[in-house]
Amino acid sequence: MEEKIILPQENTQLSFEEDENLLVDVHDVSIRFRMPTERIDNIKEYAIKFIKHQIKYEDFWAVKHVSLQVRRGESYALIGRNGAGKSTLLRMIAGILEPTEGYIQTRGNMVPLLKLGAGFDMDATGKENVFLNGAMLGFSRKEMMKKYDSIVEFSELQKFMNVPLKNYSQGMLSRLGFSIAVDVHPDVLLVDEILGVGDVPFQKKCSKKIHELKDEGATFIVVSHSMNAVRDLCNKAIWLKEGSEVMRGTADDVVAAYLKECNTL
């Protein structure tokens, strides 16, 4: 089973190696972004100030000292208000961002359902992008050939697979992205606010598919502002606020505490 380690530190792999059911190990992770302290209106001004070392920055810690372990078959939700660090943490787990401090270890086939359509080649056709995305997820062309018909059938885009994606609507892109992601039967599915894909009939179809994957033992880490979706899909949750953990526990308990605070604002 393929292992991927992001910024490993010394003497940190023992528990991960011993527990084969541990698929995601986030250890004391923080990430810092450097932001200019003044507004720069154009590229020319930015280039001049950059060359003269006149750009001043301030540090912004989007995630601060968060730890998380997710085992096979668990479904974890990351909840909190906008800017809490939920999506940033999910992108670190996906390997899109690297933590400034701490480390992340993952095991198995991990599929990010973040911004649907991310990673697509807009000049290529739908069919070409199925194989492109499959390759990005580690599947050979031969393996994707076996999956192709079911992906197209689920997406309901049979008439458009030879059309370049630049001519797709956002809804069509979302359909194709979702259909590819769920057909590869991932060990870990990373879901960021995409549970409302397409029109109502297709949303029901997606919800049914997500629950089928859950029943099959797939592992989920979900970011969502829909507390009903969190309660429905997840058994555990972490509440983040300004990048730090406020509470963790069962999804019902954490959601209840979070909604209680929201109702007092």
C-alpha atoms as a PDB file:
ATOM      1  CA  MET A   1       0.000   0.000   0.000  1.00  0.00           C
ATOM      2  CA  GLU A   2       1.512   3.309  -1.067  1.00  0.00           C
ATOM      3  CA  GLU A   3       2.561   5.698   1.693  1.00  0.00           C
ATOM      4  CA  LYS A   4       2.996   9.425   1.319  1.00  0.00           C
ATOM      5  CA  ILE A   5       4.749  11.542   3.929  1.00  0.00           C
ATOM      6  CA  ILE A   6       4.682  15.342   3.982  1.00  0.00           C
ATOM      7  CA  LEU A   7       7.578  16.949   5.815  1.00  0.00           C
ATOM      8  CA  PRO A   8       8.441  13.974   8.039  1.00  0.00           C
ATOM      9  CA  GLN A   9      10.305  14.541  11.277  1.00  0.00           C
ATOM     10  CA  GLU A  10      12.596  12.217  13.163  1.00  0.00           C
ATOM     11  CA  ASN A  11      11.069   9.602  15.476  1.00  0.00           C
ATOM     12  CA  THR A  12       7.483  10.317  14.381  1.00  0.00           C
ATOM     13  CA  GLN A  13       6.549   7.226  12.382  1.00  0.00           C
ATOM     14  CA  LEU A  14       6.257   4.561  15.100  1.00  0.00           C
ATOM     15  CA  SER A  15       2.524   4.787  15.816  1.00  0.00           C
ATOM     16  CA  PHE A  16       1.723   5.242  12.145  1.00  0.00           C
ATOM     17  CA  GLU A  17       3.683   2.153  11.132  1.00  0.00           C
ATOM     18  CA  GLU A  18       2.247   0.031  13.929  1.00  0.00           C
ATOM     19  CA  ASP A  19      -1.397   0.865  13.234  1.00  0.00           C
ATOM     20  CA  GLU A  20      -2.305  -0.230   9.686  1.00  0.00           C
ATOM     21  CA  ASN A  21      -5.819   1.148  10.141  1.00  0.00           C
ATOM     22  CA  LEU A  22      -4.420   4.641  10.702  1.00  0.00           C
ATOM     23  CA  LEU A  23      -4.830   6.328   7.312  1.00  0.00           C
ATOM     24  CA  VAL A  24      -4.221   9.970   8.218  1.00  0.00           C
ATOM     25  CA  ASP A  25      -1.932  11.251  10.964  1.00  0.00           C
ATOM     26  CA  VAL A  26      -1.801  15.033  11.394  1.00  0.00           C
ATOM     27  CA  HIS A  27       0.673  15.922  14.136  1.00  0.00           C
ATOM     28  CA  ASP A  28       0.835  19.432  15.654  1.00  0.00           C
ATOM     29  CA  VAL A  29       0.413  21.094  12.260  1.00  0.00           C
ATOM     30  CA  SER A  30       0.569  24.831  11.653  1.00  0.00           C
ATOM     31  CA  ILE A  31       0.774  26.826   8.445  1.00  0.00           C
ATOM     32  CA  ARG A  32       1.868  30.424   7.993  1.00  0.00           C
ATOM     33  CA  PHE A  33       1.126  32.759   5.103  1.00  0.00           C
ATOM     34  CA  ARG A  34       3.048  35.984   4.550  1.00  0.00           C
ATOM     35  CA  MET A  35       0.837  38.891   3.524  1.00  0.00           C
ATOM     36  CA  PRO A  36       1.929  42.369   2.324  1.00  0.00           C
ATOM     37  CA  THR A  37       1.061  45.060   4.856  1.00  0.00           C
ATOM     38  CA  GLU A  38       0.310  47.659   2.151  1.00  0.00           C
ATOM     39  CA  ARG A  39      -1.794  47.655  -0.964  1.00  0.00           C
ATOM     40  CA  ILE A  40       0.113  47.378  -4.259  1.00  0.00           C
ATOM     41  CA  ASP A  41      -2.053  48.283  -7.245  1.00  0.00           C
ATOM     42  CA  ASN A  42      -0.106  46.849 -10.169  1.00  0.00           C
ATOM     43  CA  ILE A  43       2.632  44.416 -11.158  1.00  0.00           C
ATOM     44  CA  LYS A  44       5.099  47.182 -12.050  1.00  0.00           C
ATOM     45  CA  GLU A  45       4.858  48.757  -8.601  1.00  0.00           C
ATOM     46  CA  TYR A  46       5.174  45.339  -6.993  1.00  0.00           C
ATOM     47  CA  ALA A  47       8.285  44.493  -9.065  1.00  0.00           C
ATOM     48  CA  ILE A  48       9.999  47.784  -8.163  1.00  0.00           C
ATOM     49  CA  LYS A  49       9.295  47.401  -4.461  1.00  0.00           C
ATOM     50  CA  PHE A  50      10.333  43.736  -4.563  1.00  0.00           C
ATOM     51  CA  ILE A  51      13.694  44.541  -6.184  1.00  0.00           C
ATOM     52  CA  LYS A  52      14.323  47.336  -3.671  1.00  0.00           C
ATOM     53  CA  HIS A  53      13.247  45.072  -0.760  1.00  0.00           C
ATOM     54  CA  GLN A  54      10.585  47.603   0.191  1.00  0.00           C
ATOM     55  CA  ILE A  55       7.709  45.163   0.600  1.00  0.00           C
ATOM     56  CA  LYS A  56       6.766  44.625   4.221  1.00  0.00           C
ATOM     57  CA  TYR A  57       4.916  41.525   5.306  1.00  0.00           C
ATOM     58  CA  GLU A  58       3.013  40.281   8.305  1.00  0.00           C
ATOM     59  CA  ASP A  59       2.594  36.647   9.262  1.00  0.00           C
ATOM     60  CA  PHE A  60      -0.842  35.065   9.240  1.00  0.00           C
ATOM     61  CA  TRP A  61      -1.196  31.634  10.839  1.00  0.00           C
ATOM     62  CA  ALA A  62      -4.162  30.008   9.116  1.00  0.00           C
ATOM     63  CA  VAL A  63      -3.886  26.761  11.116  1.00  0.00           C
ATOM     64  CA  LYS A  64      -2.275  26.582  14.538  1.00  0.00           C
ATOM     65  CA  HIS A  65      -1.102  23.395  16.276  1.00  0.00           C
ATOM     66  CA  VAL A  66      -3.830  21.030  15.108  1.00  0.00           C
ATOM     67  CA  SER A  67      -3.481  17.258  15.495  1.00  0.00           C
ATOM     68  CA  LEU A  68      -5.807  14.656  14.018  1.00  0.00           C
ATOM     69  CA  GLN A  69      -5.788  10.896  13.492  1.00  0.00           C
ATOM     70  CA  VAL A  70      -8.290   9.271  11.140  1.00  0.00           C
ATOM     71  CA  ARG A  71      -8.625   5.503  10.942  1.00  0.00           C
ATOM     72  CA  ARG A  72     -10.131   3.253   8.334  1.00  0.00           C
ATOM     73  CA  GLY A  73     -13.921   3.536   8.186  1.00  0.00           C
ATOM     74  CA  GLU A  74     -14.124   6.771  10.190  1.00  0.00           C
ATOM     75  CA  SER A  75     -15.856   9.867   8.878  1.00  0.00           C
ATOM     76  CA  TYR A  76     -14.518  13.144  10.258  1.00  0.00           C
ATOM     77  CA  ALA A  77     -15.959  16.633   9.769  1.00  0.00           C
ATOM     78  CA  LEU A  78     -14.038  19.896   9.999  1.00  0.00           C
ATOM     79  CA  ILE A  79     -16.488  22.646  10.950  1.00  0.00           C
ATOM     80  CA  GLY A  80     -16.278  26.331  11.788  1.00  0.00           C
ATOM     81  CA  ARG A  81     -17.010  29.750  10.352  1.00  0.00           C
ATOM     82  CA  ASN A  82     -15.419  31.173   7.206  1.00  0.00           C
ATOM     83  CA  GLY A  83     -11.686  31.687   7.728  1.00  0.00           C
ATOM     84  CA  ALA A  84     -11.448  29.087  10.490  1.00  0.00           C
ATOM     85  CA  GLY A  85      -8.781  27.099   8.608  1.00  0.00           C
ATOM     86  CA  LYS A  86     -10.926  24.114   7.602  1.00  0.00           C
ATOM     87  CA  SER A  87     -10.187  24.077   3.876  1.00  0.00           C
ATOM     88  CA  THR A  88      -6.542  24.967   4.486  1.00  0.00           C
ATOM     89  CA  LEU A  89      -6.161  21.950   6.768  1.00  0.00           C
ATOM     90  CA  LEU A  90      -7.886  19.731   4.211  1.00  0.00           C
ATOM     91  CA  ARG A  91      -5.511  20.938   1.499  1.00  0.00           C
ATOM     92  CA  MET A  92      -2.533  20.126   3.686  1.00  0.00           C
ATOM     93  CA  ILE A  93      -3.872  16.608   4.182  1.00  0.00           C
ATOM     94  CA  ALA A  94      -4.312  16.341   0.389  1.00  0.00           C
ATOM     95  CA  GLY A  95      -0.686  17.377  -0.121  1.00  0.00           C
ATOM     96  CA  ILE A  96      -1.597  20.582  -1.964  1.00  0.00           C
ATOM     97  CA  LEU A  97      -0.129  22.773   0.800  1.00  0.00           C
ATOM     98  CA  GLU A  98       2.868  22.005   2.997  1.00  0.00           C
ATOM     99  CA  PRO A  99       2.679  22.721   6.725  1.00  0.00           C
ATOM    100  CA  THR A 100       5.067  25.291   8.158  1.00  0.00           C
ATOM    101  CA  GLU A 101       5.343  23.272  11.348  1.00  0.00           C
ATOM    102  CA  GLY A 102       4.455  19.696  12.253  1.00  0.00           C
ATOM    103  CA  TYR A 103       3.992  16.813   9.866  1.00  0.00           C
ATOM    104  CA  ILE A 104       1.329  14.805   8.060  1.00  0.00           C
ATOM    105  CA  GLN A 105       1.412  11.130   7.110  1.00  0.00           C
ATOM    106  CA  THR A 106      -1.146   9.411   4.899  1.00  0.00           C
ATOM    107  CA  ARG A 107      -1.668   5.853   3.736  1.00  0.00           C
ATOM    108  CA  GLY A 108      -3.679   4.354   0.882  1.00  0.00           C
ATOM    109  CA  ASN A 109      -5.503   5.765  -2.114  1.00  0.00           C
ATOM    110  CA  MET A 110      -6.519   9.317  -1.241  1.00  0.00           C
ATOM    111  CA  VAL A 111      -8.876  11.259  -3.533  1.00  0.00           C
ATOM    112  CA  PRO A 112      -9.510  14.976  -2.965  1.00  0.00           C
ATOM    113  CA  LEU A 113     -12.969  16.264  -3.856  1.00  0.00           C
ATOM    114  CA  LEU A 114     -12.078  19.874  -3.245  1.00  0.00           C
ATOM    115  CA  LYS A 115     -12.950  22.293  -6.028  1.00  0.00           C
ATOM    116  CA  LEU A 116     -14.573  20.013  -8.573  1.00  0.00           C
ATOM    117  CA  GLY A 117     -12.874  20.398 -11.917  1.00  0.00           C
ATOM    118  CA  ALA A 118      -9.563  21.456 -10.386  1.00  0.00           C
ATOM    119  CA  GLY A 119      -6.760  19.819 -12.303  1.00  0.00           C
ATOM    120  CA  PHE A 120      -8.753  19.551 -15.527  1.00  0.00           C
ATOM    121  CA  ASP A 121      -7.245  20.593 -18.857  1.00  0.00           C
ATOM    122  CA  MET A 122      -9.882  22.940 -20.210  1.00  0.00           C
ATOM    123  CA  ASP A 123      -8.656  22.578 -23.800  1.00  0.00           C
ATOM    124  CA  ALA A 124      -8.926  18.778 -23.685  1.00  0.00           C
ATOM    125  CA  THR A 125     -12.157  16.839 -24.107  1.00  0.00           C
ATOM    126  CA  GLY A 126     -14.154  15.242 -21.318  1.00  0.00           C
ATOM    127  CA  LYS A 127     -12.885  11.819 -22.383  1.00  0.00           C
ATOM    128  CA  GLU A 128      -9.256  12.942 -22.390  1.00  0.00           C
ATOM    129  CA  ASN A 129      -9.705  14.452 -18.925  1.00  0.00           C
ATOM    130  CA  VAL A 130     -11.038  11.174 -17.523  1.00  0.00           C
ATOM    131  CA  PHE A 131      -7.726   9.522 -18.377  1.00  0.00           C
ATOM    132  CA  LEU A 132      -5.719  12.578 -17.289  1.00  0.00           C
ATOM    133  CA  ASN A 133      -7.372  12.630 -13.866  1.00  0.00           C
ATOM    134  CA  GLY A 134      -7.004   8.882 -13.580  1.00  0.00           C
ATOM    135  CA  ALA A 135      -3.271   9.191 -14.184  1.00  0.00           C
ATOM    136  CA  MET A 136      -3.047  11.924 -11.529  1.00  0.00           C
ATOM    137  CA  LEU A 137      -4.718   9.532  -9.087  1.00  0.00           C
ATOM    138  CA  GLY A 138      -2.252   6.762  -9.938  1.00  0.00           C
ATOM    139  CA  PHE A 139      -4.353   4.666 -12.316  1.00  0.00           C
ATOM    140  CA  SER A 140      -3.067   3.318 -15.633  1.00  0.00           C
ATOM    141  CA  ARG A 141      -4.862   3.936 -18.914  1.00  0.00           C
ATOM    142  CA  LYS A 142      -5.863   0.264 -18.941  1.00  0.00           C
ATOM    143  CA  GLU A 143      -7.441   0.597 -15.488  1.00  0.00           C
ATOM    144  CA  MET A 144      -9.273   3.762 -16.497  1.00  0.00           C
ATOM    145  CA  MET A 145     -10.576   2.067 -19.652  1.00  0.00           C
ATOM    146  CA  LYS A 146     -12.395  -0.376 -17.382  1.00  0.00           C
ATOM    147  CA  LYS A 147     -13.883   2.500 -15.383  1.00  0.00           C
ATOM    148  CA  TYR A 148     -14.685   4.796 -18.298  1.00  0.00           C
ATOM    149  CA  ASP A 149     -18.190   3.589 -19.147  1.00  0.00           C
ATOM    150  CA  SER A 150     -19.392   3.710 -15.536  1.00  0.00           C
ATOM    151  CA  ILE A 151     -17.912   7.206 -15.077  1.00  0.00           C
ATOM    152  CA  VAL A 152     -19.719   8.482 -18.181  1.00  0.00           C
ATOM    153  CA  GLU A 153     -22.962   6.778 -17.195  1.00  0.00           C
ATOM    154  CA  PHE A 154     -22.910   8.260 -13.710  1.00  0.00           C
ATOM    155  CA  SER A 155     -22.070  11.757 -14.978  1.00  0.00           C
ATOM    156  CA  GLU A 156     -24.893  11.626 -17.574  1.00  0.00           C
ATOM    157  CA  LEU A 157     -22.583  13.425 -20.025  1.00  0.00           C
ATOM    158  CA  GLN A 158     -22.605  10.821 -22.801  1.00  0.00           C
ATOM    159  CA  LYS A 159     -23.243  13.401 -25.531  1.00  0.00           C
ATOM    160  CA  PHE A 160     -20.461  15.717 -24.377  1.00  0.00           C
ATOM    161  CA  MET A 161     -17.419  13.491 -23.769  1.00  0.00           C
ATOM    162  CA  ASN A 162     -15.768  14.555 -27.052  1.00  0.00           C
ATOM    163  CA  VAL A 163     -16.370  18.246 -26.349  1.00  0.00           C
ATOM    164  CA  PRO A 164     -13.522  20.394 -24.889  1.00  0.00           C
ATOM    165  CA  LEU A 165     -14.118  21.275 -21.243  1.00  0.00           C
ATOM    166  CA  LYS A 166     -13.886  25.005 -22.008  1.00  0.00           C
ATOM    167  CA  ASN A 167     -17.380  24.578 -23.461  1.00  0.00           C
ATOM    168  CA  TYR A 168     -18.751  22.872 -20.328  1.00  0.00           C
ATOM    169  CA  SER A 169     -20.883  24.675 -17.785  1.00  0.00           C
ATOM    170  CA  GLN A 170     -19.762  24.675 -14.154  1.00  0.00           C
ATOM    171  CA  GLY A 171     -22.435  22.106 -13.417  1.00  0.00           C
ATOM    172  CA  MET A 172     -21.116  19.791 -16.116  1.00  0.00           C
ATOM    173  CA  LEU A 173     -17.555  20.153 -14.790  1.00  0.00           C
ATOM    174  CA  SER A 174     -18.800  19.290 -11.311  1.00  0.00           C
ATOM    175  CA  ARG A 175     -20.626  16.222 -12.590  1.00  0.00           C
ATOM    176  CA  LEU A 176     -17.528  14.917 -14.360  1.00  0.00           C
ATOM    177  CA  GLY A 177     -15.214  15.645 -11.432  1.00  0.00           C
ATOM    178  CA  PHE A 178     -17.493  13.932  -8.934  1.00  0.00           C
ATOM    179  CA  SER A 179     -18.057  10.929 -11.197  1.00  0.00           C
ATOM    180  CA  ILE A 180     -14.322  10.330 -11.627  1.00  0.00           C
ATOM    181  CA  ALA A 181     -13.562  10.738  -7.933  1.00  0.00           C
ATOM    182  CA  VAL A 182     -16.189   8.340  -6.591  1.00  0.00           C
ATOM    183  CA  ASP A 183     -15.561   5.646  -9.214  1.00  0.00           C
ATOM    184  CA  VAL A 184     -11.979   4.985  -8.104  1.00  0.00           C
ATOM    185  CA  HIS A 185     -13.167   3.633  -4.700  1.00  0.00           C
ATOM    186  CA  PRO A 186     -10.727   5.618  -2.561  1.00  0.00           C
ATOM    187  CA  ASP A 187      -9.424   4.612   0.862  1.00  0.00           C
ATOM    188  CA  VAL A 188      -9.791   8.246   1.935  1.00  0.00           C
ATOM    189  CA  LEU A 189     -12.159  10.773   0.358  1.00  0.00           C
ATOM    190  CA  LEU A 190     -11.488  14.439   1.098  1.00  0.00           C
ATOM    191  CA  VAL A 191     -14.697  16.436   0.600  1.00  0.00           C
ATOM    192  CA  ASP A 192     -14.832  20.243   0.610  1.00  0.00           C
ATOM    193  CA  GLU A 193     -18.291  21.785   0.152  1.00  0.00           C
ATOM    194  CA  ILE A 194     -19.240  19.774  -2.940  1.00  0.00           C
ATOM    195  CA  LEU A 195     -22.207  17.826  -1.603  1.00  0.00           C
ATOM    196  CA  GLY A 196     -24.618  20.020  -3.587  1.00  0.00           C
ATOM    197  CA  VAL A 197     -23.390  19.083  -7.052  1.00  0.00           C
ATOM    198  CA  GLY A 198     -25.659  19.789 -10.035  1.00  0.00           C
ATOM    199  CA  ASP A 199     -29.460  19.854 -10.061  1.00  0.00           C
ATOM    200  CA  VAL A 200     -31.710  18.236  -7.454  1.00  0.00           C
ATOM    201  CA  PRO A 201     -31.973  14.788  -9.118  1.00  0.00           C
ATOM    202  CA  PHE A 202     -28.192  14.607  -9.516  1.00  0.00           C
ATOM    203  CA  GLN A 203     -27.684  15.782  -5.908  1.00  0.00           C
ATOM    204  CA  LYS A 204     -29.812  12.847  -4.737  1.00  0.00           C
ATOM    205  CA  LYS A 205     -27.757  10.537  -6.926  1.00  0.00           C
ATOM    206  CA  CYS A 206     -24.512  11.907  -5.444  1.00  0.00           C
ATOM    207  CA  SER A 207     -25.817  11.584  -1.900  1.00  0.00           C
ATOM    208  CA  LYS A 208     -26.759   7.962  -2.534  1.00  0.00           C
ATOM    209  CA  LYS A 209     -23.294   7.265  -3.955  1.00  0.00           C
ATOM    210  CA  ILE A 210     -21.569   8.889  -0.988  1.00  0.00           C
ATOM    211  CA  HIS A 211     -23.569   6.728   1.401  1.00  0.00           C
ATOM    212  CA  GLU A 212     -22.755   3.620  -0.630  1.00  0.00           C
ATOM    213  CA  LEU A 213     -19.051   4.410  -0.283  1.00  0.00           C
ATOM    214  CA  LYS A 214     -19.543   4.939   3.435  1.00  0.00           C
ATOM    215  CA  ASP A 215     -21.313   1.578   3.768  1.00  0.00           C
ATOM    216  CA  GLU A 216     -18.418  -0.036   1.892  1.00  0.00           C
ATOM    217  CA  GLY A 217     -16.017   1.253   4.545  1.00  0.00           C
ATOM    218  CA  ALA A 218     -14.590   4.301   2.804  1.00  0.00           C
ATOM    219  CA  THR A 219     -13.022   6.916   5.065  1.00  0.00           C
ATOM    220  CA  PHE A 220     -14.152  10.558   4.833  1.00  0.00           C
ATOM    221  CA  ILE A 221     -12.793  13.900   5.927  1.00  0.00           C
ATOM    222  CA  VAL A 222     -15.476  16.491   5.210  1.00  0.00           C
ATOM    223  CA  VAL A 223     -15.552  20.284   5.238  1.00  0.00           C
ATOM    224  CA  SER A 224     -19.078  21.639   5.125  1.00  0.00           C
ATOM    225  CA  HIS A 225     -21.226  24.509   6.363  1.00  0.00           C
ATOM    226  CA  SER A 226     -24.247  22.218   6.183  1.00  0.00           C
ATOM    227  CA  MET A 227     -24.641  20.835   9.666  1.00  0.00           C
ATOM    228  CA  ASN A 228     -27.335  18.457   8.430  1.00  0.00           C
ATOM    229  CA  ALA A 229     -24.815  16.980   5.969  1.00  0.00           C
ATOM    230  CA  VAL A 230     -22.206  16.724   8.738  1.00  0.00           C
ATOM    231  CA  ARG A 231     -24.590  14.894  11.059  1.00  0.00           C
ATOM    232  CA  ASP A 232     -25.743  12.631   8.241  1.00  0.00           C
ATOM    233  CA  LEU A 233     -22.324  11.658   6.919  1.00  0.00           C
ATOM    234  CA  CYS A 234     -19.860  11.945   9.800  1.00  0.00           C
ATOM    235  CA  ASN A 235     -19.467  10.248  13.159  1.00  0.00           C
ATOM    236  CA  LYS A 236     -16.737  12.573  14.486  1.00  0.00           C
ATOM    237  CA  ALA A 237     -16.014  16.280  14.169  1.00  0.00           C
ATOM    238  CA  ILE A 238     -13.488  18.975  15.012  1.00  0.00           C
ATOM    239  CA  TRP A 239     -14.556  22.590  15.457  1.00  0.00           C
ATOM    240  CA  LEU A 240     -11.924  25.115  14.348  1.00  0.00           C
ATOM    241  CA  LYS A 241     -11.897  28.818  15.144  1.00  0.00           C
ATOM    242  CA  GLU A 242      -9.263  31.222  13.804  1.00  0.00           C
ATOM    243  CA  GLY A 243      -7.049  28.254  12.968  1.00  0.00           C
ATOM    244  CA  SER A 244      -7.168  26.590  16.387  1.00  0.00           C
ATOM    245  CA  GLU A 245      -9.166  23.669  17.726  1.00  0.00           C
ATOM    246  CA  VAL A 246     -12.091  24.603  19.941  1.00  0.00           C
ATOM    247  CA  MET A 247     -13.665  21.173  20.442  1.00  0.00           C
ATOM    248  CA  ARG A 248     -13.642  17.620  19.140  1.00  0.00           C
ATOM    249  CA  GLY A 249     -15.926  14.669  19.739  1.00  0.00           C
ATOM    250  CA  THR A 250     -18.960  13.036  18.192  1.00  0.00           C
ATOM    251  CA  ALA A 251     -20.445  14.918  15.251  1.00  0.00           C
ATOM    252  CA  ASP A 252     -23.721  15.467  17.149  1.00  0.00           C
ATOM    253  CA  ASP A 253     -21.999  16.949  20.223  1.00  0.00           C
ATOM    254  CA  VAL A 254     -19.621  19.215  18.298  1.00  0.00           C
ATOM    255  CA  VAL A 255     -22.313  20.462  15.924  1.00  0.00           C
ATOM    256  CA  ALA A 256     -24.623  21.217  18.855  1.00  0.00           C
ATOM    257  CA  ALA A 257     -21.924  23.262  20.622  1.00  0.00           C
ATOM    258  CA  TYR A 258     -21.011  25.096  17.421  1.00  0.00           C
ATOM    259  CA  LEU A 259     -24.635  25.972  16.616  1.00  0.00           C
ATOM    260  CA  LYS A 260     -25.160  27.157  20.178  1.00  0.00           C
ATOM    261  CA  GLU A 261     -22.325  29.645  19.810  1.00  0.00           C
ATOM    262  CA  CYS A 262     -23.526  30.731  16.365  1.00  0.00           C
ATOM    263  CA  ASN A 263     -26.971  31.469  17.749  1.00  0.00           C
ATOM    264  CA  THR A 264     -25.482  33.813  20.365  1.00  0.00           C
ATOM    265  CA  LEU A 265     -23.608  35.964  17.789  1.00  0.00           C
END
